[in-house]
Amino acid sequence: MLNIDNRTIFSDDNIDTLPGINTGCIDLIYLDPPFNKNKNFTAPIGTSAEGASFKDIFREDDLKDEWGRTIAEDEPELFRYLNGIKGVGKPYNFAYLAYMAVRP
């Protein structure tokens, strides 16, 4: 049974959105990860998304505590790896990998 309208576009975190959608409703999921340009982007005035904005980089303070718990419970080896690389290289590497690790 479909529980969303045809051609619905969500611009949100899939962790929050996907659990509420029946699997038969989905034909395509597109992931547009940030490209770490270290900029804030805002939708142009006059568009349907006017005023919407996002930053194009992950930081450790963007991570949610429950993500760490989920990774530790579901993928303990990945959790150890992520903690091992924390502080190595660019700071966003750890944050991005942790963010992606909990995606459905």
PDB file of N, CA and C in Angstrom:
ATOM      1  N   MET A   1       0.844  -1.174   0.000  1.00  0.00           N
ATOM      2  CA  MET A   1       0.000   0.000   0.000  1.00  0.00           C
ATOM      3  C   MET A   1       0.897   1.247   0.000  1.00  0.00           C
ATOM      4  N   LEU A   2       0.543   2.208  -0.821  1.00  0.00           N
ATOM      5  CA  LEU A   2       1.299   3.451  -0.899  1.00  0.00           C
ATOM      6  C   LEU A   2       0.854   4.398   0.210  1.00  0.00           C
ATOM      7  N   ASN A   3       1.814   4.993   0.884  1.00  0.00           N
ATOM      8  CA  ASN A   3       1.464   5.952   1.928  1.00  0.00           C
ATOM      9  C   ASN A   3       2.081   7.331   1.688  1.00  0.00           C
ATOM     10  N   ILE A   4       2.585   7.551   0.470  1.00  0.00           N
ATOM     11  CA  ILE A   4       3.057   8.878   0.071  1.00  0.00           C
ATOM     12  C   ILE A   4       2.584   9.134  -1.354  1.00  0.00           C
ATOM     13  N   ASP A   5       2.502  10.396  -1.727  1.00  0.00           N
ATOM     14  CA  ASP A   5       2.079  10.756  -3.076  1.00  0.00           C
ATOM     15  C   ASP A   5       3.177  10.462  -4.081  1.00  0.00           C
ATOM     16  N   ASN A   6       2.772  10.144  -5.305  1.00  0.00           N
ATOM     17  CA  ASN A   6       3.706   9.926  -6.399  1.00  0.00           C
ATOM     18  C   ASN A   6       4.560  11.183  -6.611  1.00  0.00           C
ATOM     19  N   ARG A   7       5.831  10.961  -6.908  1.00  0.00           N
ATOM     20  CA  ARG A   7       6.790  12.030  -7.194  1.00  0.00           C
ATOM     21  C   ARG A   7       7.070  12.943  -6.005  1.00  0.00           C
ATOM     22  N   THR A   8       6.937  12.401  -4.821  1.00  0.00           N
ATOM     23  CA  THR A   8       7.262  13.160  -3.622  1.00  0.00           C
ATOM     24  C   THR A   8       8.775  13.211  -3.481  1.00  0.00           C
ATOM     25  N   ILE A   9       9.281  14.379  -3.177  1.00  0.00           N
ATOM     26  CA  ILE A   9      10.711  14.553  -2.968  1.00  0.00           C
ATOM     27  C   ILE A   9      10.915  14.979  -1.519  1.00  0.00           C
ATOM     28  N   PHE A  10      11.783  14.260  -0.827  1.00  0.00           N
ATOM     29  CA  PHE A  10      12.126  14.596   0.549  1.00  0.00           C
ATOM     30  C   PHE A  10      13.539  15.158   0.562  1.00  0.00           C
ATOM     31  N   SER A  11      13.726  16.203   1.288  1.00  0.00           N
ATOM     32  CA  SER A  11      15.055  16.764   1.488  1.00  0.00           C
ATOM     33  C   SER A  11      15.290  16.749   2.991  1.00  0.00           C
ATOM     34  N   ASP A  12      15.697  15.582   3.467  1.00  0.00           N
ATOM     35  CA  ASP A  12      15.804  15.385   4.904  1.00  0.00           C
ATOM     36  C   ASP A  12      16.754  14.227   5.162  1.00  0.00           C
ATOM     37  N   ASP A  13      17.025  13.989   6.389  1.00  0.00           N
ATOM     38  CA  ASP A  13      17.865  12.858   6.776  1.00  0.00           C
ATOM     39  C   ASP A  13      17.065  11.574   6.581  1.00  0.00           C
ATOM     40  N   ASN A  14      17.616  10.627   5.825  1.00  0.00           N
ATOM     41  CA  ASN A  14      16.867   9.399   5.549  1.00  0.00           C
ATOM     42  C   ASN A  14      16.602   8.569   6.800  1.00  0.00           C
ATOM     43  N   ILE A  15      17.388   8.742   7.844  1.00  0.00           N
ATOM     44  CA  ILE A  15      17.127   8.028   9.096  1.00  0.00           C
ATOM     45  C   ILE A  15      15.769   8.436   9.660  1.00  0.00           C
ATOM     46  N   ASP A  16      15.410   9.692   9.500  1.00  0.00           N
ATOM     47  CA  ASP A  16      14.132  10.181  10.009  1.00  0.00           C
ATOM     48  C   ASP A  16      12.978   9.893   9.051  1.00  0.00           C
ATOM     49  N   THR A  17      13.249   9.867   7.760  1.00  0.00           N
ATOM     50  CA  THR A  17      12.200   9.776   6.751  1.00  0.00           C
ATOM     51  C   THR A  17      11.834   8.353   6.355  1.00  0.00           C
ATOM     52  N   LEU A  18      12.817   7.514   6.062  1.00  0.00           N
ATOM     53  CA  LEU A  18      12.538   6.187   5.503  1.00  0.00           C
ATOM     54  C   LEU A  18      11.689   5.267   6.387  1.00  0.00           C
ATOM     55  N   PRO A  19      11.857   5.271   7.704  1.00  0.00           N
ATOM     56  CA  PRO A  19      11.035   4.355   8.499  1.00  0.00           C
ATOM     57  C   PRO A  19       9.528   4.591   8.358  1.00  0.00           C
ATOM     58  N   GLY A  20       9.110   5.781   7.964  1.00  0.00           N
ATOM     59  CA  GLY A  20       7.685   6.084   7.822  1.00  0.00           C
ATOM     60  C   GLY A  20       7.119   5.826   6.440  1.00  0.00           C
ATOM     61  N   ILE A  21       7.921   5.283   5.535  1.00  0.00           N
ATOM     62  CA  ILE A  21       7.474   5.059   4.157  1.00  0.00           C
ATOM     63  C   ILE A  21       7.408   3.565   3.883  1.00  0.00           C
ATOM     64  N   ASN A  22       6.290   3.110   3.334  1.00  0.00           N
ATOM     65  CA  ASN A  22       6.167   1.706   2.948  1.00  0.00           C
ATOM     66  C   ASN A  22       7.164   1.410   1.833  1.00  0.00           C
ATOM     67  N   THR A  23       7.845   0.277   1.903  1.00  0.00           N
ATOM     68  CA  THR A  23       8.908  -0.032   0.942  1.00  0.00           C
ATOM     69  C   THR A  23       8.404  -0.114  -0.496  1.00  0.00           C
ATOM     70  N   GLY A  24       7.163  -0.452  -0.708  1.00  0.00           N
ATOM     71  CA  GLY A  24       6.616  -0.516  -2.063  1.00  0.00           C
ATOM     72  C   GLY A  24       6.471   0.838  -2.714  1.00  0.00           C
ATOM     73  N   CYS A  25       6.652   1.896  -1.959  1.00  0.00           N
ATOM     74  CA  CYS A  25       6.509   3.258  -2.482  1.00  0.00           C
ATOM     75  C   CYS A  25       7.785   3.805  -3.095  1.00  0.00           C
ATOM     76  N   ILE A  26       8.903   3.139  -2.877  1.00  0.00           N
ATOM     77  CA  ILE A  26      10.194   3.717  -3.234  1.00  0.00           C
ATOM     78  C   ILE A  26      10.733   3.118  -4.530  1.00  0.00           C
ATOM     79  N   ASP A  27      11.017   3.996  -5.495  1.00  0.00           N
ATOM     80  CA  ASP A  27      11.651   3.581  -6.738  1.00  0.00           C
ATOM     81  C   ASP A  27      13.106   4.040  -6.804  1.00  0.00           C
ATOM     82  N   LEU A  28      13.424   5.122  -6.125  1.00  0.00           N
ATOM     83  CA  LEU A  28      14.763   5.686  -6.224  1.00  0.00           C
ATOM     84  C   LEU A  28      15.103   6.414  -4.933  1.00  0.00           C
ATOM     85  N   ILE A  29      16.310   6.191  -4.459  1.00  0.00           N
ATOM     86  CA  ILE A  29      16.848   6.976  -3.355  1.00  0.00           C
ATOM     87  C   ILE A  29      18.135   7.594  -3.874  1.00  0.00           C
ATOM     88  N   TYR A  30      18.229   8.895  -3.779  1.00  0.00           N
ATOM     89  CA  TYR A  30      19.404   9.611  -4.253  1.00  0.00           C
ATOM     90  C   TYR A  30      20.086  10.232  -3.052  1.00  0.00           C
ATOM     91  N   LEU A  31      21.345   9.969  -2.918  1.00  0.00           N
ATOM     92  CA  LEU A  31      22.135  10.523  -1.819  1.00  0.00           C
ATOM     93  C   LEU A  31      23.061  11.585  -2.399  1.00  0.00           C
ATOM     94  N   ASP A  32      22.972  12.763  -1.856  1.00  0.00           N
ATOM     95  CA  ASP A  32      23.825  13.852  -2.299  1.00  0.00           C
ATOM     96  C   ASP A  32      24.722  14.247  -1.130  1.00  0.00           C
ATOM     97  N   PRO A  33      25.850  13.542  -0.985  1.00  0.00           N
ATOM     98  CA  PRO A  33      26.712  13.838   0.161  1.00  0.00           C
ATOM     99  C   PRO A  33      27.390  15.193  -0.002  1.00  0.00           C
ATOM    100  N   PRO A  34      27.790  15.777   1.075  1.00  0.00           N
ATOM    101  CA  PRO A  34      28.510  17.050   0.992  1.00  0.00           C
ATOM    102  C   PRO A  34      29.881  16.855   0.340  1.00  0.00           C
ATOM    103  N   PHE A  35      30.347  17.898  -0.270  1.00  0.00           N
ATOM    104  CA  PHE A  35      31.626  17.839  -0.969  1.00  0.00           C
ATOM    105  C   PHE A  35      32.718  18.585  -0.228  1.00  0.00           C
ATOM    106  N   ASN A  36      32.437  18.933   1.009  1.00  0.00           N
ATOM    107  CA  ASN A  36      33.424  19.559   1.889  1.00  0.00           C
ATOM    108  C   ASN A  36      34.065  20.806   1.293  1.00  0.00           C
ATOM    109  N   LYS A  37      33.217  21.666   0.747  1.00  0.00           N
ATOM    110  CA  LYS A  37      33.712  22.952   0.244  1.00  0.00           C
ATOM    111  C   LYS A  37      33.791  23.985   1.369  1.00  0.00           C
ATOM    112  N   ASN A  38      33.324  23.569   2.566  1.00  0.00           N
ATOM    113  CA  ASN A  38      33.337  24.433   3.738  1.00  0.00           C
ATOM    114  C   ASN A  38      32.544  25.721   3.502  1.00  0.00           C
ATOM    115  N   LYS A  39      31.353  25.563   2.889  1.00  0.00           N
ATOM    116  CA  LYS A  39      30.479  26.692   2.606  1.00  0.00           C
ATOM    117  C   LYS A  39      29.085  26.401   3.141  1.00  0.00           C
ATOM    118  N   ASN A  40      28.317  27.452   3.356  1.00  0.00           N
ATOM    119  CA  ASN A  40      26.888  27.327   3.617  1.00  0.00           C
ATOM    120  C   ASN A  40      26.167  27.655   2.320  1.00  0.00           C
ATOM    121  N   PHE A  41      25.176  26.854   1.971  1.00  0.00           N
ATOM    122  CA  PHE A  41      24.423  27.062   0.748  1.00  0.00           C
ATOM    123  C   PHE A  41      22.983  27.408   1.101  1.00  0.00           C
ATOM    124  N   THR A  42      22.399  28.356   0.375  1.00  0.00           N
ATOM    125  CA  THR A  42      21.022  28.781   0.590  1.00  0.00           C
ATOM    126  C   THR A  42      20.297  28.756  -0.741  1.00  0.00           C
ATOM    127  N   ALA A  43      19.052  28.250  -0.725  1.00  0.00           N
ATOM    128  CA  ALA A  43      18.250  28.189  -1.946  1.00  0.00           C
ATOM    129  C   ALA A  43      17.941  29.603  -2.423  1.00  0.00           C
ATOM    130  N   PRO A  44      17.908  29.802  -3.739  1.00  0.00           N
ATOM    131  CA  PRO A  44      17.675  31.135  -4.286  1.00  0.00           C
ATOM    132  C   PRO A  44      16.284  31.692  -3.967  1.00  0.00           C
ATOM    133  N   ILE A  45      16.216  32.995  -3.858  1.00  0.00           N
ATOM    134  CA  ILE A  45      14.943  33.688  -3.653  1.00  0.00           C
ATOM    135  C   ILE A  45      14.064  33.449  -4.879  1.00  0.00           C
ATOM    136  N   GLY A  46      12.785  33.195  -4.631  1.00  0.00           N
ATOM    137  CA  GLY A  46      11.845  32.960  -5.727  1.00  0.00           C
ATOM    138  C   GLY A  46      11.657  31.489  -6.071  1.00  0.00           C
ATOM    139  N   THR A  47      12.451  30.608  -5.465  1.00  0.00           N
ATOM    140  CA  THR A  47      12.284  29.174  -5.707  1.00  0.00           C
ATOM    141  C   THR A  47      11.400  28.583  -4.618  1.00  0.00           C
ATOM    142  N   SER A  48      10.893  27.383  -4.868  1.00  0.00           N
ATOM    143  CA  SER A  48      10.034  26.748  -3.863  1.00  0.00           C
ATOM    144  C   SER A  48      10.803  26.407  -2.592  1.00  0.00           C
ATOM    145  N   ALA A  49      12.113  26.336  -2.678  1.00  0.00           N
ATOM    146  CA  ALA A  49      12.937  26.015  -1.506  1.00  0.00           C
ATOM    147  C   ALA A  49      13.514  27.271  -0.856  1.00  0.00           C
ATOM    148  N   GLU A  50      13.044  28.434  -1.256  1.00  0.00           N
ATOM    149  CA  GLU A  50      13.593  29.697  -0.756  1.00  0.00           C
ATOM    150  C   GLU A  50      13.758  29.681   0.759  1.00  0.00           C
ATOM    151  N   GLY A  51      14.925  30.083   1.208  1.00  0.00           N
ATOM    152  CA  GLY A  51      15.214  30.153   2.631  1.00  0.00           C
ATOM    153  C   GLY A  51      15.853  28.892   3.197  1.00  0.00           C
ATOM    154  N   ALA A  52      15.723  27.776   2.475  1.00  0.00           N
ATOM    155  CA  ALA A  52      16.347  26.534   2.947  1.00  0.00           C
ATOM    156  C   ALA A  52      17.860  26.668   2.808  1.00  0.00           C
ATOM    157  N   SER A  53      18.586  26.114   3.763  1.00  0.00           N
ATOM    158  CA  SER A  53      20.042  26.200   3.681  1.00  0.00           C
ATOM    159  C   SER A  53      20.663  24.959   4.289  1.00  0.00           C
ATOM    160  N   PHE A  54      21.906  24.730   3.931  1.00  0.00           N
ATOM    161  CA  PHE A  54      22.664  23.627   4.498  1.00  0.00           C
ATOM    162  C   PHE A  54      24.141  23.961   4.409  1.00  0.00           C
ATOM    163  N   LYS A  55      24.911  23.331   5.266  1.00  0.00           N
ATOM    164  CA  LYS A  55      26.354  23.497   5.197  1.00  0.00           C
ATOM    165  C   LYS A  55      26.933  22.277   4.501  1.00  0.00           C
ATOM    166  N   ASP A  56      28.009  22.452   3.831  1.00  0.00           N
ATOM    167  CA  ASP A  56      28.571  21.414   2.972  1.00  0.00           C
ATOM    168  C   ASP A  56      29.798  20.755   3.600  1.00  0.00           C
ATOM    169  N   ILE A  57      29.744  20.507   4.880  1.00  0.00           N
ATOM    170  CA  ILE A  57      30.848  19.830   5.552  1.00  0.00           C
ATOM    171  C   ILE A  57      30.310  19.193   6.840  1.00  0.00           C
ATOM    172  N   PHE A  58      30.856  18.063   7.201  1.00  0.00           N
ATOM    173  CA  PHE A  58      30.498  17.408   8.450  1.00  0.00           C
ATOM    174  C   PHE A  58      31.509  17.780   9.515  1.00  0.00           C
ATOM    175  N   ARG A  59      31.011  17.945  10.698  1.00  0.00           N
ATOM    176  CA  ARG A  59      31.874  18.171  11.846  1.00  0.00           C
ATOM    177  C   ARG A  59      31.447  17.192  12.941  1.00  0.00           C
ATOM    178  N   GLU A  60      32.343  16.917  13.862  1.00  0.00           N
ATOM    179  CA  GLU A  60      32.013  15.972  14.930  1.00  0.00           C
ATOM    180  C   GLU A  60      30.790  16.414  15.725  1.00  0.00           C
ATOM    181  N   ASP A  61      30.587  17.732  15.863  1.00  0.00           N
ATOM    182  CA  ASP A  61      29.417  18.175  16.626  1.00  0.00           C
ATOM    183  C   ASP A  61      28.112  17.954  15.870  1.00  0.00           C
ATOM    184  N   ASP A  62      28.180  17.534  14.587  1.00  0.00           N
ATOM    185  CA  ASP A  62      26.980  17.179  13.831  1.00  0.00           C
ATOM    186  C   ASP A  62      26.513  15.758  14.129  1.00  0.00           C
ATOM    187  N   LEU A  63      27.391  14.965  14.723  1.00  0.00           N
ATOM    188  CA  LEU A  63      27.058  13.575  15.002  1.00  0.00           C
ATOM    189  C   LEU A  63      26.127  13.473  16.201  1.00  0.00           C
ATOM    190  N   LYS A  64      25.215  12.535  16.113  1.00  0.00           N
ATOM    191  CA  LYS A  64      24.282  12.311  17.213  1.00  0.00           C
ATOM    192  C   LYS A  64      24.801  11.159  18.062  1.00  0.00           C
ATOM    193  N   ASP A  65      24.651  11.282  19.373  1.00  0.00           N
ATOM    194  CA  ASP A  65      25.141  10.254  20.292  1.00  0.00           C
ATOM    195  C   ASP A  65      24.581   8.875  19.970  1.00  0.00           C
ATOM    196  N   GLU A  66      23.299   8.821  19.567  1.00  0.00           N
ATOM    197  CA  GLU A  66      22.696   7.512  19.298  1.00  0.00           C
ATOM    198  C   GLU A  66      23.357   6.809  18.113  1.00  0.00           C
ATOM    199  N   TRP A  67      23.963   7.577  17.204  1.00  0.00           N
ATOM    200  CA  TRP A  67      24.647   6.941  16.072  1.00  0.00           C
ATOM    201  C   TRP A  67      25.818   6.108  16.578  1.00  0.00           C
ATOM    202  N   GLY A  68      26.590   6.653  17.503  1.00  0.00           N
ATOM    203  CA  GLY A  68      27.713   5.909  18.067  1.00  0.00           C
ATOM    204  C   GLY A  68      27.255   4.643  18.757  1.00  0.00           C
ATOM    205  N   ARG A  69      26.159   4.745  19.512  1.00  0.00           N
ATOM    206  CA  ARG A  69      25.622   3.558  20.187  1.00  0.00           C
ATOM    207  C   ARG A  69      25.155   2.519  19.169  1.00  0.00           C
ATOM    208  N   THR A  70      24.497   2.969  18.107  1.00  0.00           N
ATOM    209  CA  THR A  70      24.015   2.050  17.066  1.00  0.00           C
ATOM    210  C   THR A  70      25.183   1.332  16.399  1.00  0.00           C
ATOM    211  N   ILE A  71      26.218   2.075  16.047  1.00  0.00           N
ATOM    212  CA  ILE A  71      27.387   1.467  15.405  1.00  0.00           C
ATOM    213  C   ILE A  71      28.060   0.488  16.358  1.00  0.00           C
ATOM    214  N   ALA A  72      28.211   0.876  17.615  1.00  0.00           N
ATOM    215  CA  ALA A  72      28.862   0.003  18.603  1.00  0.00           C
ATOM    216  C   ALA A  72      28.093  -1.304  18.782  1.00  0.00           C
ATOM    217  N   GLU A  73      26.767  -1.228  18.772  1.00  0.00           N
ATOM    218  CA  GLU A  73      25.951  -2.425  18.958  1.00  0.00           C
ATOM    219  C   GLU A  73      25.895  -3.288  17.702  1.00  0.00           C
ATOM    220  N   ASP A  74      25.709  -2.651  16.546  1.00  0.00           N
ATOM    221  CA  ASP A  74      25.500  -3.399  15.299  1.00  0.00           C
ATOM    222  C   ASP A  74      26.795  -3.807  14.608  1.00  0.00           C
ATOM    223  N   GLU A  75      27.812  -2.973  14.710  1.00  0.00           N
ATOM    224  CA  GLU A  75      29.080  -3.205  13.997  1.00  0.00           C
ATOM    225  C   GLU A  75      30.263  -2.873  14.899  1.00  0.00           C
ATOM    226  N   PRO A  76      30.551  -3.719  15.893  1.00  0.00           N
ATOM    227  CA  PRO A  76      31.616  -3.385  16.851  1.00  0.00           C
ATOM    228  C   PRO A  76      32.986  -3.179  16.210  1.00  0.00           C
ATOM    229  N   GLU A  77      33.314  -3.935  15.158  1.00  0.00           N
ATOM    230  CA  GLU A  77      34.618  -3.747  14.506  1.00  0.00           C
ATOM    231  C   GLU A  77      34.693  -2.383  13.832  1.00  0.00           C
ATOM    232  N   LEU A  78      33.610  -1.973  13.187  1.00  0.00           N
ATOM    233  CA  LEU A  78      33.563  -0.645  12.557  1.00  0.00           C
ATOM    234  C   LEU A  78      33.673   0.436  13.628  1.00  0.00           C
ATOM    235  N   PHE A  79      33.016   0.219  14.747  1.00  0.00           N
ATOM    236  CA  PHE A  79      33.088   1.181  15.850  1.00  0.00           C
ATOM    237  C   PHE A  79      34.533   1.355  16.328  1.00  0.00           C
ATOM    238  N   ARG A  80      35.253   0.253  16.488  1.00  0.00           N
ATOM    239  CA  ARG A  80      36.662   0.324  16.901  1.00  0.00           C
ATOM    240  C   ARG A  80      37.489   1.059  15.834  1.00  0.00           C
ATOM    241  N   TYR A  81      37.230   0.773  14.569  1.00  0.00           N
ATOM    242  CA  TYR A  81      37.949   1.441  13.481  1.00  0.00           C
ATOM    243  C   TYR A  81      37.700   2.946  13.518  1.00  0.00           C
ATOM    244  N   LEU A  82      36.436   3.330  13.615  1.00  0.00           N
ATOM    245  CA  LEU A  82      36.104   4.757  13.630  1.00  0.00           C
ATOM    246  C   LEU A  82      36.770   5.468  14.801  1.00  0.00           C
ATOM    247  N   ASN A  83      36.756   4.843  15.942  1.00  0.00           N
ATOM    248  CA  ASN A  83      37.423   5.457  17.096  1.00  0.00           C
ATOM    249  C   ASN A  83      38.931   5.509  16.900  1.00  0.00           C
ATOM    250  N   GLY A  84      39.474   4.547  16.163  1.00  0.00           N
ATOM    251  CA  GLY A  84      40.908   4.534  15.884  1.00  0.00           C
ATOM    252  C   GLY A  84      41.351   5.647  14.956  1.00  0.00           C
ATOM    253  N   ILE A  85      40.471   6.052  14.024  1.00  0.00           N
ATOM    254  CA  ILE A  85      40.862   7.111  13.086  1.00  0.00           C
ATOM    255  C   ILE A  85      40.473   8.499  13.568  1.00  0.00           C
ATOM    256  N   LYS A  86      39.747   8.551  14.665  1.00  0.00           N
ATOM    257  CA  LYS A  86      39.339   9.850  15.205  1.00  0.00           C
ATOM    258  C   LYS A  86      40.582  10.686  15.478  1.00  0.00           C
ATOM    259  N   GLY A  87      40.621  11.868  14.958  1.00  0.00           N
ATOM    260  CA  GLY A  87      41.764  12.742  15.169  1.00  0.00           C
ATOM    261  C   GLY A  87      42.880  12.569  14.158  1.00  0.00           C
ATOM    262  N   VAL A  88      42.735  11.614  13.234  1.00  0.00           N
ATOM    263  CA  VAL A  88      43.747  11.387  12.193  1.00  0.00           C
ATOM    264  C   VAL A  88      43.273  12.065  10.906  1.00  0.00           C
ATOM    265  N   GLY A  89      44.141  12.793  10.266  1.00  0.00           N
ATOM    266  CA  GLY A  89      43.774  13.443   9.008  1.00  0.00           C
ATOM    267  C   GLY A  89      42.818  14.598   9.224  1.00  0.00           C
ATOM    268  N   LYS A  90      42.014  14.846   8.226  1.00  0.00           N
ATOM    269  CA  LYS A  90      41.042  15.940   8.290  1.00  0.00           C
ATOM    270  C   LYS A  90      39.950  15.590   9.291  1.00  0.00           C
ATOM    271  N   PRO A  91      39.511  16.545  10.099  1.00  0.00           N
ATOM    272  CA  PRO A  91      38.503  16.250  11.121  1.00  0.00           C
ATOM    273  C   PRO A  91      37.187  15.722  10.546  1.00  0.00           C
ATOM    274  N   TYR A  92      36.835  16.153   9.330  1.00  0.00           N
ATOM    275  CA  TYR A  92      35.560  15.718   8.773  1.00  0.00           C
ATOM    276  C   TYR A  92      35.580  14.260   8.308  1.00  0.00           C
ATOM    277  N   ASN A  93      36.757  13.644   8.138  1.00  0.00           N
ATOM    278  CA  ASN A  93      36.806  12.245   7.706  1.00  0.00           C
ATOM    279  C   ASN A  93      36.070  11.342   8.693  1.00  0.00           C
ATOM    280  N   PHE A  94      36.376  11.480   9.971  1.00  0.00           N
ATOM    281  CA  PHE A  94      35.718  10.674  10.996  1.00  0.00           C
ATOM    282  C   PHE A  94      34.218  10.956  11.014  1.00  0.00           C
ATOM    283  N   ALA A  95      33.847  12.219  11.001  1.00  0.00           N
ATOM    284  CA  ALA A  95      32.439  12.592  11.090  1.00  0.00           C
ATOM    285  C   ALA A  95      31.653  12.058   9.890  1.00  0.00           C
ATOM    286  N   TYR A  96      32.221  12.168   8.707  1.00  0.00           N
ATOM    287  CA  TYR A  96      31.529  11.692   7.505  1.00  0.00           C
ATOM    288  C   TYR A  96      31.367  10.173   7.544  1.00  0.00           C
ATOM    289  N   LEU A  97      32.405   9.439   7.902  1.00  0.00           N
ATOM    290  CA  LEU A  97      32.315   7.986   7.961  1.00  0.00           C
ATOM    291  C   LEU A  97      31.303   7.525   9.013  1.00  0.00           C
ATOM    292  N   ALA A  98      31.277   8.182  10.151  1.00  0.00           N
ATOM    293  CA  ALA A  98      30.296   7.824  11.180  1.00  0.00           C
ATOM    294  C   ALA A  98      28.880   8.128  10.692  1.00  0.00           C
ATOM    295  N   TYR A  99      28.714   9.257  10.029  1.00  0.00           N
ATOM    296  CA  TYR A  99      27.410   9.633   9.470  1.00  0.00           C
ATOM    297  C   TYR A  99      26.920   8.586   8.480  1.00  0.00           C
ATOM    298  N   MET A 100      27.799   8.166   7.589  1.00  0.00           N
ATOM    299  CA  MET A 100      27.423   7.190   6.566  1.00  0.00           C
ATOM    300  C   MET A 100      27.213   5.795   7.144  1.00  0.00           C
ATOM    301  N   ALA A 101      27.902   5.457   8.219  1.00  0.00           N
ATOM    302  CA  ALA A 101      27.831   4.111   8.790  1.00  0.00           C
ATOM    303  C   ALA A 101      26.442   3.767   9.321  1.00  0.00           C
ATOM    304  N   VAL A 102      25.659   4.754   9.698  1.00  0.00           N
ATOM    305  CA  VAL A 102      24.346   4.474  10.280  1.00  0.00           C
ATOM    306  C   VAL A 102      23.203   4.627   9.279  1.00  0.00           C
ATOM    307  N   ARG A 103      23.527   4.920   8.020  1.00  0.00           N
ATOM    308  CA  ARG A 103      22.470   5.075   7.011  1.00  0.00           C
ATOM    309  C   ARG A 103      21.798   3.735   6.760  1.00  0.00           C
ATOM    310  N   PRO A 104      20.443   3.729   6.579  1.00  0.00           N
ATOM    311  CA  PRO A 104      19.738   2.467   6.262  1.00  0.00           C
ATOM    312  C   PRO A 104      20.114   1.926   4.905  1.00  0.00           C
TER     313      PRO A 104
END
